[in-house]
Amino acid sequence: MFIIIYLPVQSFKVVRSIARDDIFDEKNILRIRRIGYSLILMFLIAIFIAFTSMATARYMVSLKDYRVLFPLDSTDIFTLIFGILVLIFAEILKIATQIKEEQDLTV
């Protein structure tokens, strides 16, 4: 539940900072990384809940010739992929920030 509230708050802070032209800021990079880690954590929590639900269903219902399948939704996979892409974007932004700082020192 905390992550569901945390993600929009951090996203709003990043957007607000970008609107103020503070794109290459260490705080933004940290916020974007936290968003990526939170998305991956959401995926892991969803997998854990699905696994425990499946294990409970197998324990409670044991019918012959029936299998209880692992319920993995496409939104869970999308959450993982989006989290990884956000982390990649954060690393690209970190490298861009370093290049910008070097350029500012050169000029």
PDB file of N, CA and C in Angstrom:
ATOM      1  N   MET A   1       0.820  -1.187   0.000  1.00  0.00           N
ATOM      2  CA  MET A   1       0.000   0.000   0.000  1.00  0.00           C
ATOM      3  C   MET A   1       0.872   1.262   0.000  1.00  0.00           C
ATOM      4  N   PHE A   2       1.984   1.198   0.715  1.00  0.00           N
ATOM      5  CA  PHE A   2       2.894   2.338   0.781  1.00  0.00           C
ATOM      6  C   PHE A   2       3.451   2.676  -0.598  1.00  0.00           C
ATOM      7  N   ILE A   3       3.772   1.652  -1.374  1.00  0.00           N
ATOM      8  CA  ILE A   3       4.367   1.870  -2.695  1.00  0.00           C
ATOM      9  C   ILE A   3       3.374   2.550  -3.627  1.00  0.00           C
ATOM     10  N   ILE A   4       2.101   2.207  -3.498  1.00  0.00           N
ATOM     11  CA  ILE A   4       1.083   2.792  -4.363  1.00  0.00           C
ATOM     12  C   ILE A   4       0.968   4.300  -4.125  1.00  0.00           C
ATOM     13  N   ILE A   5       1.208   4.749  -2.914  1.00  0.00           N
ATOM     14  CA  ILE A   5       1.190   6.179  -2.610  1.00  0.00           C
ATOM     15  C   ILE A   5       2.550   6.805  -2.930  1.00  0.00           C
ATOM     16  N   TYR A   6       3.617   6.057  -2.706  1.00  0.00           N
ATOM     17  CA  TYR A   6       4.978   6.570  -2.872  1.00  0.00           C
ATOM     18  C   TYR A   6       5.305   6.890  -4.338  1.00  0.00           C
ATOM     19  N   LEU A   7       4.886   6.031  -5.257  1.00  0.00           N
ATOM     20  CA  LEU A   7       5.229   6.216  -6.667  1.00  0.00           C
ATOM     21  C   LEU A   7       4.675   7.521  -7.249  1.00  0.00           C
ATOM     22  N   PRO A   8       3.398   7.838  -7.090  1.00  0.00           N
ATOM     23  CA  PRO A   8       2.923   9.116  -7.649  1.00  0.00           C
ATOM     24  C   PRO A   8       3.560  10.347  -7.002  1.00  0.00           C
ATOM     25  N   VAL A   9       3.856  10.263  -5.714  1.00  0.00           N
ATOM     26  CA  VAL A   9       4.486  11.403  -5.036  1.00  0.00           C
ATOM     27  C   VAL A   9       5.869  11.648  -5.624  1.00  0.00           C
ATOM     28  N   GLN A  10       6.655  10.605  -5.781  1.00  0.00           N
ATOM     29  CA  GLN A  10       7.995  10.765  -6.349  1.00  0.00           C
ATOM     30  C   GLN A  10       7.927  11.207  -7.812  1.00  0.00           C
ATOM     31  N   SER A  11       6.978  10.664  -8.556  1.00  0.00           N
ATOM     32  CA  SER A  11       6.816  11.066  -9.959  1.00  0.00           C
ATOM     33  C   SER A  11       6.453  12.539 -10.052  1.00  0.00           C
ATOM     34  N   PHE A  12       5.569  13.005  -9.177  1.00  0.00           N
ATOM     35  CA  PHE A  12       5.188  14.413  -9.170  1.00  0.00           C
ATOM     36  C   PHE A  12       6.389  15.306  -8.849  1.00  0.00           C
ATOM     37  N   LYS A  13       7.219  14.882  -7.918  1.00  0.00           N
ATOM     38  CA  LYS A  13       8.405  15.668  -7.564  1.00  0.00           C
ATOM     39  C   LYS A  13       9.375  15.758  -8.735  1.00  0.00           C
ATOM     40  N   VAL A  14       9.525  14.668  -9.477  1.00  0.00           N
ATOM     41  CA  VAL A  14      10.410  14.683 -10.645  1.00  0.00           C
ATOM     42  C   VAL A  14       9.848  15.611 -11.710  1.00  0.00           C
ATOM     43  N   VAL A  15       8.562  15.524 -11.986  1.00  0.00           N
ATOM     44  CA  VAL A  15       7.948  16.374 -13.004  1.00  0.00           C
ATOM     45  C   VAL A  15       8.032  17.843 -12.599  1.00  0.00           C
ATOM     46  N   ARG A  16       7.791  18.131 -11.345  1.00  0.00           N
ATOM     47  CA  ARG A  16       7.872  19.511 -10.853  1.00  0.00           C
ATOM     48  C   ARG A  16       9.302  20.042 -10.980  1.00  0.00           C
ATOM     49  N   SER A  17      10.274  19.210 -10.701  1.00  0.00           N
ATOM     50  CA  SER A  17      11.668  19.620 -10.812  1.00  0.00           C
ATOM     51  C   SER A  17      12.050  19.855 -12.274  1.00  0.00           C
ATOM     52  N   ILE A  18      11.550  19.028 -13.154  1.00  0.00           N
ATOM     53  CA  ILE A  18      11.830  19.209 -14.585  1.00  0.00           C
ATOM     54  C   ILE A  18      11.168  20.483 -15.090  1.00  0.00           C
ATOM     55  N   ALA A  19       9.980  20.789 -14.580  1.00  0.00           N
ATOM     56  CA  ALA A  19       9.298  22.026 -14.979  1.00  0.00           C
ATOM     57  C   ALA A  19      10.079  23.259 -14.547  1.00  0.00           C
ATOM     58  N   ARG A  20      10.860  23.153 -13.468  1.00  0.00           N
ATOM     59  CA  ARG A  20      11.699  24.257 -12.997  1.00  0.00           C
ATOM     60  C   ARG A  20      13.077  24.252 -13.654  1.00  0.00           C
ATOM     61  N   ASP A  21      13.265  23.432 -14.672  1.00  0.00           N
ATOM     62  CA  ASP A  21      14.530  23.325 -15.418  1.00  0.00           C
ATOM     63  C   ASP A  21      15.674  22.790 -14.573  1.00  0.00           C
ATOM     64  N   ASP A  22      15.378  21.916 -13.635  1.00  0.00           N
ATOM     65  CA  ASP A  22      16.412  21.232 -12.852  1.00  0.00           C
ATOM     66  C   ASP A  22      16.508  19.774 -13.292  1.00  0.00           C
ATOM     67  N   ILE A  23      16.690  19.574 -14.574  1.00  0.00           N
ATOM     68  CA  ILE A  23      16.691  18.210 -15.107  1.00  0.00           C
ATOM     69  C   ILE A  23      17.916  17.445 -14.627  1.00  0.00           C
ATOM     70  N   PHE A  24      19.078  18.055 -14.729  1.00  0.00           N
ATOM     71  CA  PHE A  24      20.323  17.381 -14.368  1.00  0.00           C
ATOM     72  C   PHE A  24      20.645  17.641 -12.900  1.00  0.00           C
ATOM     73  N   ASP A  25      19.867  17.030 -12.039  1.00  0.00           N
ATOM     74  CA  ASP A  25      20.016  17.220 -10.604  1.00  0.00           C
ATOM     75  C   ASP A  25      20.169  15.851  -9.950  1.00  0.00           C
ATOM     76  N   GLU A  26      21.026  15.780  -8.959  1.00  0.00           N
ATOM     77  CA  GLU A  26      21.259  14.511  -8.262  1.00  0.00           C
ATOM     78  C   GLU A  26      19.996  14.011  -7.560  1.00  0.00           C
ATOM     79  N   LYS A  27      19.178  14.936  -7.069  1.00  0.00           N
ATOM     80  CA  LYS A  27      17.930  14.531  -6.418  1.00  0.00           C
ATOM     81  C   LYS A  27      16.988  13.852  -7.398  1.00  0.00           C
ATOM     82  N   ASN A  28      16.945  14.351  -8.637  1.00  0.00           N
ATOM     83  CA  ASN A  28      16.101  13.721  -9.649  1.00  0.00           C
ATOM     84  C   ASN A  28      16.563  12.302  -9.953  1.00  0.00           C
ATOM     85  N   ILE A  29      17.859  12.135 -10.059  1.00  0.00           N
ATOM     86  CA  ILE A  29      18.400  10.810 -10.338  1.00  0.00           C
ATOM     87  C   ILE A  29      18.050   9.852  -9.202  1.00  0.00           C
ATOM     88  N   LEU A  30      18.187  10.329  -7.984  1.00  0.00           N
ATOM     89  CA  LEU A  30      17.843   9.504  -6.828  1.00  0.00           C
ATOM     90  C   LEU A  30      16.351   9.163  -6.814  1.00  0.00           C
ATOM     91  N   ARG A  31      15.505  10.142  -7.115  1.00  0.00           N
ATOM     92  CA  ARG A  31      14.060   9.886  -7.161  1.00  0.00           C
ATOM     93  C   ARG A  31      13.698   8.887  -8.253  1.00  0.00           C
ATOM     94  N   ILE A  32      14.317   9.035  -9.412  1.00  0.00           N
ATOM     95  CA  ILE A  32      14.020   8.116 -10.519  1.00  0.00           C
ATOM     96  C   ILE A  32      14.488   6.704 -10.171  1.00  0.00           C
ATOM     97  N   ARG A  33      15.630   6.582  -9.531  1.00  0.00           N
ATOM     98  CA  ARG A  33      16.092   5.257  -9.095  1.00  0.00           C
ATOM     99  C   ARG A  33      15.117   4.650  -8.092  1.00  0.00           C
ATOM    100  N   ARG A  34      14.649   5.463  -7.160  1.00  0.00           N
ATOM    101  CA  ARG A  34      13.689   4.956  -6.173  1.00  0.00           C
ATOM    102  C   ARG A  34      12.399   4.494  -6.842  1.00  0.00           C
ATOM    103  N   ILE A  35      11.973   5.204  -7.873  1.00  0.00           N
ATOM    104  CA  ILE A  35      10.785   4.786  -8.614  1.00  0.00           C
ATOM    105  C   ILE A  35      11.037   3.428  -9.262  1.00  0.00           C
ATOM    106  N   GLY A  36      12.194   3.260  -9.882  1.00  0.00           N
ATOM    107  CA  GLY A  36      12.528   1.981 -10.515  1.00  0.00           C
ATOM    108  C   GLY A  36      12.589   0.837  -9.521  1.00  0.00           C
ATOM    109  N   TYR A  37      13.253   1.077  -8.387  1.00  0.00           N
ATOM    110  CA  TYR A  37      13.331   0.034  -7.357  1.00  0.00           C
ATOM    111  C   TYR A  37      11.956  -0.286  -6.784  1.00  0.00           C
ATOM    112  N   SER A  38      11.114   0.730  -6.646  1.00  0.00           N
ATOM    113  CA  SER A  38       9.762   0.497  -6.130  1.00  0.00           C
ATOM    114  C   SER A  38       8.942  -0.348  -7.094  1.00  0.00           C
ATOM    115  N   LEU A  39       9.100  -0.105  -8.391  1.00  0.00           N
ATOM    116  CA  LEU A  39       8.373  -0.909  -9.376  1.00  0.00           C
ATOM    117  C   LEU A  39       8.833  -2.367  -9.348  1.00  0.00           C
ATOM    118  N   ILE A  40      10.122  -2.572  -9.222  1.00  0.00           N
ATOM    119  CA  ILE A  40      10.629  -3.943  -9.138  1.00  0.00           C
ATOM    120  C   ILE A  40      10.165  -4.596  -7.841  1.00  0.00           C
ATOM    121  N   LEU A  41      10.131  -3.845  -6.758  1.00  0.00           N
ATOM    122  CA  LEU A  41       9.617  -4.370  -5.491  1.00  0.00           C
ATOM    123  C   LEU A  41       8.137  -4.735  -5.607  1.00  0.00           C
ATOM    124  N   MET A  42       7.371  -3.915  -6.313  1.00  0.00           N
ATOM    125  CA  MET A  42       5.957  -4.239  -6.542  1.00  0.00           C
ATOM    126  C   MET A  42       5.817  -5.552  -7.296  1.00  0.00           C
ATOM    127  N   PHE A  43       6.687  -5.776  -8.284  1.00  0.00           N
ATOM    128  CA  PHE A  43       6.662  -7.031  -9.038  1.00  0.00           C
ATOM    129  C   PHE A  43       6.964  -8.212  -8.119  1.00  0.00           C
ATOM    130  N   LEU A  44       7.976  -8.069  -7.284  1.00  0.00           N
ATOM    131  CA  LEU A  44       8.344  -9.160  -6.388  1.00  0.00           C
ATOM    132  C   LEU A  44       7.241  -9.450  -5.372  1.00  0.00           C
ATOM    133  N   ILE A  45       6.589  -8.418  -4.884  1.00  0.00           N
ATOM    134  CA  ILE A  45       5.476  -8.614  -3.956  1.00  0.00           C
ATOM    135  C   ILE A  45       4.318  -9.319  -4.661  1.00  0.00           C
ATOM    136  N   ALA A  46       4.040  -8.925  -5.899  1.00  0.00           N
ATOM    137  CA  ALA A  46       2.966  -9.582  -6.660  1.00  0.00           C
ATOM    138  C   ALA A  46       3.282 -11.052  -6.900  1.00  0.00           C
ATOM    139  N   ILE A  47       4.538 -11.373  -7.190  1.00  0.00           N
ATOM    140  CA  ILE A  47       4.941 -12.768  -7.384  1.00  0.00           C
ATOM    141  C   ILE A  47       4.789 -13.542  -6.086  1.00  0.00           C
ATOM    142  N   PHE A  48       5.189 -12.948  -4.965  1.00  0.00           N
ATOM    143  CA  PHE A  48       5.054 -13.609  -3.672  1.00  0.00           C
ATOM    144  C   PHE A  48       3.593 -13.878  -3.337  1.00  0.00           C
ATOM    145  N   ILE A  49       2.730 -12.889  -3.560  1.00  0.00           N
ATOM    146  CA  ILE A  49       1.306 -13.071  -3.289  1.00  0.00           C
ATOM    147  C   ILE A  49       0.719 -14.147  -4.187  1.00  0.00           C
ATOM    148  N   ALA A  50       1.100 -14.146  -5.463  1.00  0.00           N
ATOM    149  CA  ALA A  50       0.596 -15.165  -6.383  1.00  0.00           C
ATOM    150  C   ALA A  50       1.069 -16.552  -5.968  1.00  0.00           C
ATOM    151  N   PHE A  51       2.328 -16.649  -5.537  1.00  0.00           N
ATOM    152  CA  PHE A  51       2.861 -17.948  -5.116  1.00  0.00           C
ATOM    153  C   PHE A  51       2.152 -18.458  -3.866  1.00  0.00           C
ATOM    154  N   THR A  52       1.930 -17.578  -2.896  1.00  0.00           N
ATOM    155  CA  THR A  52       1.242 -18.015  -1.679  1.00  0.00           C
ATOM    156  C   THR A  52      -0.214 -18.373  -1.968  1.00  0.00           C
ATOM    157  N   SER A  53      -0.847 -17.652  -2.878  1.00  0.00           N
ATOM    158  CA  SER A  53      -2.223 -17.992  -3.260  1.00  0.00           C
ATOM    159  C   SER A  53      -2.274 -19.354  -3.934  1.00  0.00           C
ATOM    160  N   MET A  54      -1.304 -19.610  -4.804  1.00  0.00           N
ATOM    161  CA  MET A  54      -1.256 -20.894  -5.486  1.00  0.00           C
ATOM    162  C   MET A  54      -0.996 -22.024  -4.489  1.00  0.00           C
ATOM    163  N   ALA A  55      -0.073 -21.801  -3.562  1.00  0.00           N
ATOM    164  CA  ALA A  55       0.219 -22.833  -2.572  1.00  0.00           C
ATOM    165  C   ALA A  55      -0.986 -23.092  -1.674  1.00  0.00           C
ATOM    166  N   THR A  56      -1.708 -22.053  -1.310  1.00  0.00           N
ATOM    167  CA  THR A  56      -2.912 -22.218  -0.499  1.00  0.00           C
ATOM    168  C   THR A  56      -3.985 -22.968  -1.264  1.00  0.00           C
ATOM    169  N   ALA A  57      -4.149 -22.637  -2.538  1.00  0.00           N
ATOM    170  CA  ALA A  57      -5.146 -23.329  -3.359  1.00  0.00           C
ATOM    171  C   ALA A  57      -4.797 -24.803  -3.524  1.00  0.00           C
ATOM    172  N   ARG A  58      -3.528 -25.106  -3.715  1.00  0.00           N
ATOM    173  CA  ARG A  58      -3.121 -26.509  -3.832  1.00  0.00           C
ATOM    174  C   ARG A  58      -3.351 -27.273  -2.531  1.00  0.00           C
ATOM    175  N   TYR A  59      -3.158 -26.602  -1.410  1.00  0.00           N
ATOM    176  CA  TYR A  59      -3.350 -27.252  -0.117  1.00  0.00           C
ATOM    177  C   TYR A  59      -4.832 -27.489   0.166  1.00  0.00           C
ATOM    178  N   MET A  60      -5.656 -26.510  -0.179  1.00  0.00           N
ATOM    179  CA  MET A  60      -7.076 -26.600   0.145  1.00  0.00           C
ATOM    180  C   MET A  60      -7.855 -27.483  -0.828  1.00  0.00           C
ATOM    181  N   VAL A  61      -7.476 -27.464  -2.080  1.00  0.00           N
ATOM    182  CA  VAL A  61      -8.203 -28.210  -3.100  1.00  0.00           C
ATOM    183  C   VAL A  61      -7.238 -29.174  -3.765  1.00  0.00           C
ATOM    184  N   SER A  62      -7.499 -30.431  -3.611  1.00  0.00           N
ATOM    185  CA  SER A  62      -6.647 -31.426  -4.265  1.00  0.00           C
ATOM    186  C   SER A  62      -7.546 -32.372  -5.061  1.00  0.00           C
ATOM    187  N   LEU A  63      -7.906 -31.948  -6.249  1.00  0.00           N
ATOM    188  CA  LEU A  63      -8.745 -32.750  -7.127  1.00  0.00           C
ATOM    189  C   LEU A  63      -7.873 -33.537  -8.085  1.00  0.00           C
ATOM    190  N   LYS A  64      -8.292 -34.733  -8.362  1.00  0.00           N
ATOM    191  CA  LYS A  64      -7.545 -35.584  -9.281  1.00  0.00           C
ATOM    192  C   LYS A  64      -7.721 -35.048 -10.696  1.00  0.00           C
ATOM    193  N   ASP A  65      -6.660 -35.100 -11.468  1.00  0.00           N
ATOM    194  CA  ASP A  65      -6.618 -34.668 -12.866  1.00  0.00           C
ATOM    195  C   ASP A  65      -6.794 -33.154 -13.034  1.00  0.00           C
ATOM    196  N   TYR A  66      -6.586 -32.370 -12.003  1.00  0.00           N
ATOM    197  CA  TYR A  66      -6.633 -30.917 -12.105  1.00  0.00           C
ATOM    198  C   TYR A  66      -5.341 -30.343 -11.555  1.00  0.00           C
ATOM    199  N   ARG A  67      -4.924 -29.239 -12.190  1.00  0.00           N
ATOM    200  CA  ARG A  67      -3.726 -28.565 -11.746  1.00  0.00           C
ATOM    201  C   ARG A  67      -4.060 -27.129 -11.369  1.00  0.00           C
ATOM    202  N   VAL A  68      -3.392 -26.630 -10.376  1.00  0.00           N
ATOM    203  CA  VAL A  68      -3.515 -25.225 -10.008  1.00  0.00           C
ATOM    204  C   VAL A  68      -2.338 -24.509 -10.653  1.00  0.00           C
ATOM    205  N   LEU A  69      -2.650 -23.554 -11.521  1.00  0.00           N
ATOM    206  CA  LEU A  69      -1.611 -22.862 -12.267  1.00  0.00           C
ATOM    207  C   LEU A  69      -1.127 -21.630 -11.522  1.00  0.00           C
ATOM    208  N   PHE A  70       0.081 -21.232 -11.834  1.00  0.00           N
ATOM    209  CA  PHE A  70       0.672 -20.044 -11.237  1.00  0.00           C
ATOM    210  C   PHE A  70       0.077 -18.820 -11.913  1.00  0.00           C
ATOM    211  N   PRO A  71      -0.638 -17.994 -11.176  1.00  0.00           N
ATOM    212  CA  PRO A  71      -1.319 -16.848 -11.803  1.00  0.00           C
ATOM    213  C   PRO A  71      -0.387 -15.649 -11.983  1.00  0.00           C
ATOM    214  N   LEU A  72       0.247 -15.565 -13.143  1.00  0.00           N
ATOM    215  CA  LEU A  72       1.128 -14.438 -13.449  1.00  0.00           C
ATOM    216  C   LEU A  72       0.446 -13.583 -14.501  1.00  0.00           C
ATOM    217  N   ASP A  73       0.124 -12.364 -14.133  1.00  0.00           N
ATOM    218  CA  ASP A  73      -0.614 -11.462 -15.004  1.00  0.00           C
ATOM    219  C   ASP A  73       0.359 -10.681 -15.883  1.00  0.00           C
ATOM    220  N   SER A  74      -0.115 -10.226 -17.036  1.00  0.00           N
ATOM    221  CA  SER A  74       0.753  -9.466 -17.935  1.00  0.00           C
ATOM    222  C   SER A  74       1.114  -8.106 -17.335  1.00  0.00           C
ATOM    223  N   THR A  75       0.262  -7.568 -16.458  1.00  0.00           N
ATOM    224  CA  THR A  75       0.608  -6.297 -15.820  1.00  0.00           C
ATOM    225  C   THR A  75       1.780  -6.460 -14.864  1.00  0.00           C
ATOM    226  N   ASP A  76       1.923  -7.644 -14.271  1.00  0.00           N
ATOM    227  CA  ASP A  76       3.078  -7.881 -13.404  1.00  0.00           C
ATOM    228  C   ASP A  76       4.370  -7.845 -14.203  1.00  0.00           C
ATOM    229  N   ILE A  77       4.361  -8.461 -15.364  1.00  0.00           N
ATOM    230  CA  ILE A  77       5.555  -8.465 -16.219  1.00  0.00           C
ATOM    231  C   ILE A  77       5.835  -7.047 -16.727  1.00  0.00           C
ATOM    232  N   PHE A  78       4.768  -6.303 -17.053  1.00  0.00           N
ATOM    233  CA  PHE A  78       4.928  -4.922 -17.494  1.00  0.00           C
ATOM    234  C   PHE A  78       5.559  -4.081 -16.385  1.00  0.00           C
ATOM    235  N   THR A  79       5.172  -4.321 -15.151  1.00  0.00           N
ATOM    236  CA  THR A  79       5.740  -3.589 -14.021  1.00  0.00           C
ATOM    237  C   THR A  79       7.238  -3.851 -13.909  1.00  0.00           C
ATOM    238  N   LEU A  80       7.645  -5.102 -14.082  1.00  0.00           N
ATOM    239  CA  LEU A  80       9.069  -5.437 -14.027  1.00  0.00           C
ATOM    240  C   LEU A  80       9.838  -4.766 -15.159  1.00  0.00           C
ATOM    241  N   ILE A  81       9.322  -4.861 -16.364  1.00  0.00           N
ATOM    242  CA  ILE A  81      10.005  -4.267 -17.521  1.00  0.00           C
ATOM    243  C   ILE A  81      10.089  -2.752 -17.372  1.00  0.00           C
ATOM    244  N   PHE A  82       9.010  -2.134 -16.928  1.00  0.00           N
ATOM    245  CA  PHE A  82       9.012  -0.683 -16.740  1.00  0.00           C
ATOM    246  C   PHE A  82       9.991  -0.271 -15.642  1.00  0.00           C
ATOM    247  N   GLY A  83      10.081  -1.056 -14.582  1.00  0.00           N
ATOM    248  CA  GLY A  83      11.036  -0.769 -13.517  1.00  0.00           C
ATOM    249  C   GLY A  83      12.466  -0.832 -14.009  1.00  0.00           C
ATOM    250  N   ILE A  84      12.769  -1.830 -14.821  1.00  0.00           N
ATOM    251  CA  ILE A  84      14.124  -1.950 -15.379  1.00  0.00           C
ATOM    252  C   ILE A  84      14.420  -0.788 -16.320  1.00  0.00           C
ATOM    253  N   LEU A  85      13.440  -0.406 -17.143  1.00  0.00           N
ATOM    254  CA  LEU A  85      13.640   0.719 -18.050  1.00  0.00           C
ATOM    255  C   LEU A  85      13.848   2.029 -17.290  1.00  0.00           C
ATOM    256  N   VAL A  86      13.152   2.210 -16.195  1.00  0.00           N
ATOM    257  CA  VAL A  86      13.328   3.417 -15.379  1.00  0.00           C
ATOM    258  C   VAL A  86      14.732   3.440 -14.781  1.00  0.00           C
ATOM    259  N   LEU A  87      15.221   2.293 -14.333  1.00  0.00           N
ATOM    260  CA  LEU A  87      16.586   2.246 -13.790  1.00  0.00           C
ATOM    261  C   LEU A  87      17.625   2.532 -14.875  1.00  0.00           C
ATOM    262  N   ILE A  88      17.393   2.033 -16.074  1.00  0.00           N
ATOM    263  CA  ILE A  88      18.306   2.334 -17.189  1.00  0.00           C
ATOM    264  C   ILE A  88      18.284   3.826 -17.494  1.00  0.00           C
ATOM    265  N   PHE A  89      17.090   4.423 -17.492  1.00  0.00           N
ATOM    266  CA  PHE A  89      16.979   5.862 -17.720  1.00  0.00           C
ATOM    267  C   PHE A  89      17.717   6.651 -16.642  1.00  0.00           C
ATOM    268  N   ALA A  90      17.645   6.200 -15.409  1.00  0.00           N
ATOM    269  CA  ALA A  90      18.354   6.883 -14.322  1.00  0.00           C
ATOM    270  C   ALA A  90      19.863   6.834 -14.538  1.00  0.00           C
ATOM    271  N   GLU A  91      20.366   5.702 -15.015  1.00  0.00           N
ATOM    272  CA  GLU A  91      21.805   5.606 -15.276  1.00  0.00           C
ATOM    273  C   GLU A  91      22.218   6.506 -16.438  1.00  0.00           C
ATOM    274  N   ILE A  92      21.377   6.581 -17.461  1.00  0.00           N
ATOM    275  CA  ILE A  92      21.666   7.475 -18.590  1.00  0.00           C
ATOM    276  C   ILE A  92      21.669   8.918 -18.121  1.00  0.00           C
ATOM    277  N   LEU A  93      20.725   9.270 -17.268  1.00  0.00           N
ATOM    278  CA  LEU A  93      20.665  10.622 -16.734  1.00  0.00           C
ATOM    279  C   LEU A  93      21.872  10.924 -15.845  1.00  0.00           C
ATOM    280  N   LYS A  94      22.360   9.925 -15.124  1.00  0.00           N
ATOM    281  CA  LYS A  94      23.551  10.116 -14.289  1.00  0.00           C
ATOM    282  C   LYS A  94      24.776  10.405 -15.158  1.00  0.00           C
ATOM    283  N   ILE A  95      24.929   9.656 -16.231  1.00  0.00           N
ATOM    284  CA  ILE A  95      26.054   9.875 -17.149  1.00  0.00           C
ATOM    285  C   ILE A  95      25.937  11.244 -17.810  1.00  0.00           C
ATOM    286  N   ALA A  96      24.712  11.625 -18.195  1.00  0.00           N
ATOM    287  CA  ALA A  96      24.503  12.941 -18.806  1.00  0.00           C
ATOM    288  C   ALA A  96      24.829  14.058 -17.823  1.00  0.00           C
ATOM    289  N   THR A  97      24.509  13.853 -16.553  1.00  0.00           N
ATOM    290  CA  THR A  97      24.827  14.847 -15.535  1.00  0.00           C
ATOM    291  C   THR A  97      26.337  15.002 -15.374  1.00  0.00           C
ATOM    292  N   GLN A  98      27.051  13.887 -15.394  1.00  0.00           N
ATOM    293  CA  GLN A  98      28.508  13.951 -15.293  1.00  0.00           C
ATOM    294  C   GLN A  98      29.114  14.667 -16.492  1.00  0.00           C
ATOM    295  N   ILE A  99      28.595  14.394 -17.681  1.00  0.00           N
ATOM    296  CA  ILE A  99      29.090  15.058 -18.892  1.00  0.00           C
ATOM    297  C   ILE A  99      28.818  16.554 -18.831  1.00  0.00           C
ATOM    298  N   LYS A 100      27.614  16.915 -18.337  1.00  0.00           N
ATOM    299  CA  LYS A 100      27.258  18.336 -18.217  1.00  0.00           C
ATOM    300  C   LYS A 100      28.178  19.043 -17.225  1.00  0.00           C
ATOM    301  N   GLU A 101      28.489  18.397 -16.092  1.00  0.00           N
ATOM    302  CA  GLU A 101      29.388  19.005 -15.118  1.00  0.00           C
ATOM    303  C   GLU A 101      30.780  19.198 -15.697  1.00  0.00           C
ATOM    304  N   GLU A 102      31.272  18.210 -16.455  1.00  0.00           N
ATOM    305  CA  GLU A 102      32.577  18.358 -17.095  1.00  0.00           C
ATOM    306  C   GLU A 102      32.570  19.488 -18.110  1.00  0.00           C
ATOM    307  N   GLN A 103      31.477  19.619 -18.850  1.00  0.00           N
ATOM    308  CA  GLN A 103      31.374  20.690 -19.831  1.00  0.00           C
ATOM    309  C   GLN A 103      31.337  22.050 -19.128  1.00  0.00           C
ATOM    310  N   ASP A 104      30.611  22.147 -18.025  1.00  0.00           N
ATOM    311  CA  ASP A 104      30.557  23.416 -17.290  1.00  0.00           C
ATOM    312  C   ASP A 104      31.925  23.805 -16.748  1.00  0.00           C
ATOM    313  N   LEU A 105      32.717  22.846 -16.339  1.00  0.00           N
ATOM    314  CA  LEU A 105      34.053  23.133 -15.826  1.00  0.00           C
ATOM    315  C   LEU A 105      35.013  23.512 -16.955  1.00  0.00           C
ATOM    316  N   THR A 106      34.777  22.987 -18.153  1.00  0.00           N
ATOM    317  CA  THR A 106      35.656  23.253 -19.288  1.00  0.00           C
ATOM    318  C   THR A 106      35.460  24.678 -19.799  1.00  0.00           C
ATOM    319  N   VAL A 107      34.232  25.109 -19.872  1.00  0.00           N
ATOM    320  CA  VAL A 107      33.961  26.417 -20.454  1.00  0.00           C
ATOM    321  C   VAL A 107      34.253  27.529 -19.514  1.00  0.00           C
TER     322      VAL A 107
END
